[in-house]
Amino acid sequence: SRVLDRMGGEVVSGLYTSGWARRGSDGVMATTITDSANTAHSILEDLDGLRSRDLPITACVRELLEGKGVRYVTFDQWSEIDRIEKERGKERGKPREKMTCYNDVIGNKPSST
């Protein structure tokens, strides 16, 4: 589901949560699955607006990951990986050919995009 600002109760654009992060250690698998489906639905509803701008939270998450030395894949990098996997799969008569090493696509450093 969408995350609300603690002070004003307004939706924090581009920030979502599900499962225990949303409700605490409560519920069963079915509850978590339903939560996840609802969160995915919210993201899909917001998708056009999310794609059109760099969200403030993005810079914070990027700084945190880079500060910890975590290698991550940006959406643009993932899109390129997705395209290549589908292309390779088509050549083999499959929906996709999963890559096991992404260094050829993303290099050794996270992208600045």
N, C-alpha and C. Protein backbone atom coordinates (compact mmCIF):
# COMPACT_ATOMS: atom_id res chain seq x y z
N SER A 1 0.83 -1.19 0.00
CA SER A 1 0.00 0.00 0.00
C SER A 1 0.88 1.25 0.00
N ARG A 2 0.30 2.36 -0.29
CA ARG A 2 1.02 3.63 -0.29
C ARG A 2 1.36 4.01 1.15
N VAL A 3 2.49 4.67 1.31
CA VAL A 3 2.94 5.12 2.63
C VAL A 3 2.42 6.53 2.86
N LEU A 4 1.93 6.77 4.06
CA LEU A 4 1.43 8.10 4.43
C LEU A 4 2.44 8.82 5.29
N ASP A 5 2.55 10.13 5.10
CA ASP A 5 3.39 10.98 5.93
C ASP A 5 2.85 10.96 7.35
N ARG A 6 3.73 10.78 8.32
CA ARG A 6 3.30 10.70 9.72
C ARG A 6 2.65 11.98 10.21
N MET A 7 3.18 13.10 9.78
CA MET A 7 2.69 14.38 10.30
C MET A 7 1.37 14.80 9.65
N GLY A 8 1.33 14.81 8.33
CA GLY A 8 0.15 15.33 7.64
C GLY A 8 -0.80 14.28 7.15
N GLY A 9 -0.37 13.01 7.15
CA GLY A 9 -1.23 11.94 6.68
C GLY A 9 -1.39 11.90 5.18
N GLU A 10 -0.55 12.66 4.46
CA GLU A 10 -0.64 12.66 3.00
C GLU A 10 0.24 11.55 2.43
N VAL A 11 -0.11 11.08 1.24
CA VAL A 11 0.63 10.01 0.57
C VAL A 11 2.04 10.50 0.23
N VAL A 12 3.06 9.68 0.54
CA VAL A 12 4.44 9.95 0.15
C VAL A 12 4.62 9.35 -1.23
N SER A 13 4.74 10.20 -2.23
CA SER A 13 4.80 9.76 -3.61
C SER A 13 5.97 8.80 -3.85
N GLY A 14 5.66 7.65 -4.44
CA GLY A 14 6.70 6.70 -4.82
C GLY A 14 7.17 5.78 -3.72
N LEU A 15 6.53 5.81 -2.56
CA LEU A 15 6.95 4.96 -1.45
C LEU A 15 5.81 4.02 -1.09
N TYR A 16 6.10 2.71 -1.09
CA TYR A 16 5.10 1.68 -0.86
C TYR A 16 5.63 0.67 0.14
N THR A 17 4.71 -0.05 0.77
CA THR A 17 5.11 -1.10 1.70
C THR A 17 4.09 -2.22 1.66
N SER A 18 4.51 -3.37 2.18
CA SER A 18 3.63 -4.53 2.15
C SER A 18 4.04 -5.50 3.26
N GLY A 19 3.14 -6.42 3.57
CA GLY A 19 3.45 -7.47 4.54
C GLY A 19 3.77 -6.93 5.92
N TRP A 20 4.76 -7.52 6.55
CA TRP A 20 5.12 -7.14 7.91
C TRP A 20 5.59 -5.70 8.00
N ALA A 21 6.21 -5.20 6.96
CA ALA A 21 6.65 -3.80 6.97
C ALA A 21 5.45 -2.87 7.03
N ARG A 22 4.32 -3.34 6.58
CA ARG A 22 3.11 -2.52 6.60
C ARG A 22 2.34 -2.68 7.90
N ARG A 23 2.20 -3.91 8.36
CA ARG A 23 1.30 -4.16 9.48
C ARG A 23 1.96 -4.76 10.72
N GLY A 24 3.26 -4.97 10.67
CA GLY A 24 3.93 -5.62 11.79
C GLY A 24 3.82 -7.12 11.67
N SER A 25 4.32 -7.83 12.65
CA SER A 25 4.34 -9.30 12.59
C SER A 25 2.96 -9.85 12.91
N ASP A 26 2.06 -9.66 11.96
CA ASP A 26 0.67 -10.05 12.14
C ASP A 26 0.18 -10.69 10.85
N GLY A 27 -0.66 -11.69 10.97
CA GLY A 27 -1.25 -12.29 9.79
C GLY A 27 -0.57 -13.57 9.37
N VAL A 28 -1.13 -14.18 8.35
CA VAL A 28 -0.62 -15.43 7.80
C VAL A 28 -0.18 -15.18 6.35
N MET A 29 0.33 -16.23 5.69
CA MET A 29 0.81 -16.09 4.31
C MET A 29 -0.24 -15.44 3.41
N ALA A 30 -1.48 -15.87 3.55
CA ALA A 30 -2.54 -15.33 2.69
C ALA A 30 -2.69 -13.82 2.88
N THR A 31 -2.51 -13.35 4.12
CA THR A 31 -2.58 -11.92 4.38
C THR A 31 -1.47 -11.18 3.67
N THR A 32 -0.26 -11.74 3.72
CA THR A 32 0.89 -11.13 3.07
C THR A 32 0.72 -11.14 1.56
N ILE A 33 0.21 -12.23 1.02
CA ILE A 33 -0.02 -12.32 -0.43
C ILE A 33 -1.04 -11.26 -0.87
N THR A 34 -2.11 -11.13 -0.13
CA THR A 34 -3.13 -10.13 -0.44
C THR A 34 -2.54 -8.72 -0.35
N ASP A 35 -1.76 -8.47 0.70
CA ASP A 35 -1.07 -7.19 0.86
C ASP A 35 -0.19 -6.88 -0.35
N SER A 36 0.58 -7.87 -0.77
CA SER A 36 1.48 -7.69 -1.90
C SER A 36 0.72 -7.37 -3.17
N ALA A 37 -0.38 -8.07 -3.39
CA ALA A 37 -1.20 -7.82 -4.58
C ALA A 37 -1.77 -6.40 -4.55
N ASN A 38 -2.23 -5.96 -3.39
CA ASN A 38 -2.76 -4.59 -3.25
C ASN A 38 -1.67 -3.55 -3.48
N THR A 39 -0.47 -3.82 -2.98
CA THR A 39 0.65 -2.90 -3.18
C THR A 39 1.00 -2.82 -4.66
N ALA A 40 1.07 -3.96 -5.32
CA ALA A 40 1.37 -3.99 -6.75
C ALA A 40 0.30 -3.21 -7.53
N HIS A 41 -0.95 -3.36 -7.14
CA HIS A 41 -2.04 -2.63 -7.79
C HIS A 41 -1.84 -1.11 -7.62
N SER A 42 -1.46 -0.68 -6.42
CA SER A 42 -1.21 0.74 -6.17
C SER A 42 -0.07 1.26 -7.04
N ILE A 43 0.99 0.48 -7.14
CA ILE A 43 2.14 0.89 -7.96
C ILE A 43 1.71 1.02 -9.42
N LEU A 44 0.95 0.05 -9.92
CA LEU A 44 0.49 0.10 -11.31
C LEU A 44 -0.40 1.32 -11.55
N GLU A 45 -1.24 1.65 -10.59
CA GLU A 45 -2.08 2.85 -10.71
C GLU A 45 -1.23 4.11 -10.82
N ASP A 46 -0.11 4.13 -10.10
CA ASP A 46 0.73 5.32 -10.03
C ASP A 46 1.85 5.33 -11.07
N LEU A 47 1.99 4.27 -11.84
CA LEU A 47 3.18 4.05 -12.67
C LEU A 47 3.51 5.20 -13.61
N ASP A 48 2.55 5.72 -14.32
CA ASP A 48 2.84 6.80 -15.27
C ASP A 48 3.46 8.01 -14.57
N GLY A 49 2.94 8.37 -13.42
CA GLY A 49 3.49 9.49 -12.68
C GLY A 49 4.87 9.19 -12.10
N LEU A 50 5.12 7.94 -11.75
CA LEU A 50 6.41 7.57 -11.18
C LEU A 50 7.50 7.60 -12.23
N ARG A 51 7.18 7.22 -13.45
CA ARG A 51 8.16 7.20 -14.52
C ARG A 51 8.57 8.59 -14.97
N SER A 52 7.70 9.56 -14.77
CA SER A 52 7.91 10.88 -15.35
C SER A 52 8.83 11.78 -14.53
N ARG A 53 9.27 11.33 -13.36
CA ARG A 53 10.12 12.22 -12.55
C ARG A 53 11.02 11.42 -11.62
N ASP A 54 12.06 12.09 -11.17
CA ASP A 54 12.96 11.49 -10.19
C ASP A 54 12.39 11.80 -8.81
N LEU A 55 12.03 10.80 -8.08
CA LEU A 55 11.41 11.00 -6.77
C LEU A 55 12.45 11.36 -5.72
N PRO A 56 12.11 12.21 -4.76
CA PRO A 56 13.08 12.60 -3.73
C PRO A 56 13.67 11.41 -2.98
N ILE A 57 12.87 10.38 -2.76
CA ILE A 57 13.35 9.22 -2.02
C ILE A 57 14.45 8.50 -2.79
N THR A 58 14.43 8.61 -4.12
CA THR A 58 15.40 7.93 -4.95
C THR A 58 16.83 8.32 -4.59
N ALA A 59 17.07 9.62 -4.44
CA ALA A 59 18.41 10.09 -4.11
C ALA A 59 18.85 9.57 -2.74
N CYS A 60 17.93 9.53 -1.78
CA CYS A 60 18.26 9.04 -0.44
C CYS A 60 18.64 7.56 -0.47
N VAL A 61 17.86 6.78 -1.18
CA VAL A 61 18.14 5.35 -1.27
C VAL A 61 19.45 5.12 -1.99
N ARG A 62 19.67 5.87 -3.08
CA ARG A 62 20.91 5.75 -3.85
C ARG A 62 22.11 6.06 -2.95
N GLU A 63 22.04 7.15 -2.19
CA GLU A 63 23.15 7.52 -1.29
C GLU A 63 23.39 6.44 -0.24
N LEU A 64 22.33 5.90 0.32
CA LEU A 64 22.46 4.85 1.34
C LEU A 64 23.14 3.62 0.75
N LEU A 65 22.69 3.17 -0.41
CA LEU A 65 23.28 1.99 -1.03
C LEU A 65 24.74 2.21 -1.39
N GLU A 66 25.03 3.35 -2.00
CA GLU A 66 26.40 3.63 -2.40
C GLU A 66 27.30 3.79 -1.18
N GLY A 67 26.78 4.39 -0.11
CA GLY A 67 27.55 4.55 1.12
C GLY A 67 27.92 3.23 1.75
N LYS A 68 27.09 2.21 1.52
CA LYS A 68 27.35 0.87 2.07
C LYS A 68 28.07 -0.02 1.06
N GLY A 69 28.37 0.54 -0.12
CA GLY A 69 29.06 -0.24 -1.14
C GLY A 69 28.20 -1.30 -1.80
N VAL A 70 26.89 -1.11 -1.75
CA VAL A 70 25.97 -2.08 -2.34
C VAL A 70 25.85 -1.81 -3.84
N ARG A 71 26.03 -2.87 -4.63
CA ARG A 71 25.80 -2.76 -6.07
C ARG A 71 24.31 -2.96 -6.32
N TYR A 72 23.74 -2.10 -7.10
CA TYR A 72 22.31 -2.19 -7.38
C TYR A 72 22.07 -2.01 -8.87
N VAL A 73 20.87 -2.35 -9.29
CA VAL A 73 20.48 -2.22 -10.68
C VAL A 73 19.40 -1.15 -10.76
N THR A 74 19.61 -0.15 -11.59
CA THR A 74 18.60 0.89 -11.78
C THR A 74 17.49 0.36 -12.68
N PHE A 75 16.41 1.09 -12.77
CA PHE A 75 15.31 0.68 -13.63
C PHE A 75 15.77 0.63 -15.09
N ASP A 76 16.56 1.63 -15.51
CA ASP A 76 17.06 1.63 -16.89
C ASP A 76 17.95 0.42 -17.15
N GLN A 77 18.79 0.06 -16.18
CA GLN A 77 19.65 -1.12 -16.34
C GLN A 77 18.80 -2.38 -16.38
N TRP A 78 17.81 -2.47 -15.51
CA TRP A 78 16.93 -3.63 -15.51
C TRP A 78 16.20 -3.74 -16.85
N SER A 79 15.75 -2.61 -17.39
CA SER A 79 15.06 -2.63 -18.68
C SER A 79 15.97 -3.19 -19.77
N GLU A 80 17.25 -2.82 -19.74
CA GLU A 80 18.21 -3.34 -20.72
C GLU A 80 18.42 -4.84 -20.52
N ILE A 81 18.56 -5.28 -19.29
CA ILE A 81 18.70 -6.71 -18.99
C ILE A 81 17.46 -7.47 -19.48
N ASP A 82 16.28 -6.94 -19.19
CA ASP A 82 15.03 -7.55 -19.62
C ASP A 82 14.99 -7.68 -21.14
N ARG A 83 15.38 -6.62 -21.85
CA ARG A 83 15.38 -6.63 -23.31
C ARG A 83 16.32 -7.72 -23.85
N ILE A 84 17.53 -7.78 -23.28
CA ILE A 84 18.53 -8.75 -23.73
C ILE A 84 18.06 -10.18 -23.45
N GLU A 85 17.51 -10.42 -22.26
CA GLU A 85 17.04 -11.76 -21.92
C GLU A 85 15.93 -12.21 -22.87
N LYS A 86 15.02 -11.32 -23.21
CA LYS A 86 13.94 -11.67 -24.13
C LYS A 86 14.49 -11.93 -25.53
N GLU A 87 15.42 -11.10 -25.95
CA GLU A 87 16.04 -11.26 -27.26
C GLU A 87 16.76 -12.61 -27.36
N ARG A 88 17.54 -12.95 -26.35
CA ARG A 88 18.27 -14.22 -26.33
C ARG A 88 17.31 -15.40 -26.26
N GLY A 89 16.21 -15.24 -25.52
CA GLY A 89 15.21 -16.30 -25.44
C GLY A 89 14.53 -16.54 -26.77
N LYS A 90 14.20 -15.46 -27.45
CA LYS A 90 13.54 -15.57 -28.76
C LYS A 90 14.41 -16.36 -29.74
N GLU A 91 15.72 -16.14 -29.67
CA GLU A 91 16.66 -16.87 -30.54
C GLU A 91 16.64 -18.37 -30.25
N ARG A 92 16.23 -18.74 -29.03
CA ARG A 92 16.22 -20.15 -28.62
C ARG A 92 14.80 -20.72 -28.53
N GLY A 93 13.80 -19.93 -29.00
CA GLY A 93 12.42 -20.40 -28.98
C GLY A 93 11.81 -20.41 -27.59
N LYS A 94 12.30 -19.54 -26.70
CA LYS A 94 11.81 -19.46 -25.32
C LYS A 94 11.38 -18.02 -25.05
N PRO A 95 10.57 -17.81 -23.98
CA PRO A 95 10.19 -16.44 -23.65
C PRO A 95 11.40 -15.56 -23.28
N ARG A 96 12.38 -16.17 -22.62
CA ARG A 96 13.59 -15.43 -22.25
C ARG A 96 14.70 -16.41 -21.91
N GLU A 97 15.92 -15.95 -22.01
CA GLU A 97 17.10 -16.71 -21.57
C GLU A 97 17.71 -15.91 -20.43
N LYS A 98 17.55 -16.42 -19.21
CA LYS A 98 18.04 -15.69 -18.03
C LYS A 98 19.54 -15.54 -18.07
N MET A 99 20.00 -14.35 -17.73
CA MET A 99 21.43 -14.08 -17.64
C MET A 99 21.90 -14.45 -16.23
N THR A 100 23.10 -14.95 -16.12
CA THR A 100 23.64 -15.28 -14.81
C THR A 100 24.71 -14.29 -14.37
N CYS A 101 25.19 -13.47 -15.29
CA CYS A 101 26.19 -12.46 -14.96
C CYS A 101 25.83 -11.17 -15.68
N TYR A 102 25.58 -10.12 -14.92
CA TYR A 102 25.13 -8.86 -15.50
C TYR A 102 26.24 -7.86 -15.75
N ASN A 103 27.48 -8.22 -15.47
CA ASN A 103 28.58 -7.26 -15.63
C ASN A 103 28.70 -6.72 -17.05
N ASP A 104 28.38 -7.56 -18.04
CA ASP A 104 28.45 -7.08 -19.43
C ASP A 104 27.43 -5.97 -19.70
N VAL A 105 26.33 -6.00 -18.96
CA VAL A 105 25.28 -5.01 -19.17
C VAL A 105 25.47 -3.80 -18.28
N ILE A 106 25.70 -4.02 -16.99
CA ILE A 106 25.75 -2.90 -16.04
C ILE A 106 27.15 -2.50 -15.62
N GLY A 107 28.15 -3.28 -15.98
CA GLY A 107 29.51 -2.94 -15.56
C GLY A 107 29.72 -3.23 -14.10
N ASN A 108 30.81 -2.74 -13.57
CA ASN A 108 31.16 -3.03 -12.17
C ASN A 108 30.68 -1.96 -11.20
N LYS A 109 30.19 -0.84 -11.69
CA LYS A 109 29.74 0.24 -10.81
C LYS A 109 28.28 0.53 -11.07
N PRO A 110 27.55 0.98 -10.03
CA PRO A 110 26.16 1.35 -10.25
C PRO A 110 26.08 2.54 -11.19
N SER A 111 24.99 2.59 -11.93
CA SER A 111 24.77 3.69 -12.86
C SER A 111 24.41 4.95 -12.10
N SER A 112 24.68 6.10 -12.71
CA SER A 112 24.31 7.36 -12.07
C SER A 112 22.92 7.79 -12.49
N THR A 113 22.19 6.95 -13.24
CA THR A 113 20.84 7.31 -13.67
C THR A 113 19.82 6.76 -12.73
